[in-house]
Each structure stands twice: as C-alpha cells, then as structure tokens.
C-alpha cells in the first residue's frame, strides 16, 4: 500500500515538500556547533568548483553545511530515478538545491548514469558545486563507491566531506540507518578537509586510494559529529566482498 502511494506524483510532491520544510525547521531551531567551517568557505566564492559528499543516511541536514545565496556557486544534487529519489528531489529543491537525475547501471539496465556524469561535469565547469552520496542509492552503508572519485578525476576538482548530528534524533533500521533529526536541541556541523582529485591519468590503484581516503574522512567526521552531539556513533556496514564497486558507466562520460 505504501509503495503504491509513493508512486503517485502528487504524494511524492507533498512528502518531498513537507520533508524540505521540516529540514528548514530543524536547522533553524537547532543550536549548532560548527567545526572546521573554514575548509568550505573558499568554495562559497563565485566560480569555485567542488564536489560535496555526505552519507545517504545524513541527507536531512546536509543543506545546513552549504551556503545558498547571491554569489555562492549553485549547488546541484545527484538523485536516483526512483520513488525515493523523487521525494528527495522535491525536498532538495525546497531547501535550495537543484537536481541531476541518474545513477549507475544495475543488472544491465541503464539508469542514466552516463548522462548524469556529463551534466555534473558541465555544471562544475560552469563554476558550480555537486552534492553526492557515495554510498547511495543502496549501500553498503557508509562505504564509498568510486563514482564520486571518477567524477572528481574527470572534472579535476577536489572533494569536500560533510557531516552533521543532532542530540535528539530517530535512527531508522533502514540499510543506511537514516537519521531523522528532531528540533529544539543541540547539534554539530562538521566539515572535512578537501581531498584532492586524482590526477587526469590516474590508474585503478590511485582511484582506490582516493576512494579509501574519502570513505575514511566521511566516517571520521560523522563519528566526530555524533560525539559532539552526545549520541552513539552509527557504524559502517561490513564492506562489500571484493572491495569497492567500480562505476563502469561513468568512464564513458570522458
């Protein structure tokens, strides 16, 4: 019944817009502690180019880690072509981010990955910012795929990691341990140091090195945000057997 309801465009719009408004409400009523904000401030200048990464389960307050307004590079969020993606898309637009739709191919079925990478690179080249969830759309939780690293290589831009936590929250037993923040508490916003893009001629070993650095930094700052908020850190899922899963269709966007 729930799946049938969330397939209805009007229901998706209402849920997404409602989630976006709630995200604004929580960010406005939370007493935030900010850590390492200086790392992101250079990317709020006109013409700055960057890829932002945060875990899939930390979507609801990611907007609080970016500046929206005149002169700040326009942020676009990569969202999958799924029912959940439609809802997340409406929420993203509500808080000020635009969308790029697509994800990696699955089971031989194309899901717009190549077109999405091309659009992301064009947006970055024009001086924009891209937001990605490296463990999306289906995990494993808090384990980075190589896709964002490939985009960084193609666009020749750094990656900056974002994390947040709130004292009052609900953690769902979903694959990503989705965190729903509750208002009127305290919280932490944590920015990681920029991770340099792989060299244009990077081989698989260098891509893996950068992917591992991205995963480690995101998990580090998420644990720090949880600690500062006074909650138990959410642990990553076991890594997929065989290591990180490469996103082959992104290579075609070069």
Foldseek 3Di string as FASTA:
>chain_A
DVQVQLVDLVSLLVLLLVLLVVLVQAVVQAAEDEAPLVQCVVQQAFLRFEEEEAAPLQLSNQLVSADDDPRGAAEEEEFEPDSVSSSNQSSCVSSRHHYQYFDFDDPNHGGCPLVSLLVSLVSRNNRHYYYYHQQDDAGQALQGALVVLLSCLVNQHWYKYKAKDALAWQQDPHNHSRIGHDHNGYMYIYIFHIQGHDHNPDDPVSSVVSSVVRSVRNLVVHCVRCVVNPHHGDDGDPADPPGHDYRVSNVVND
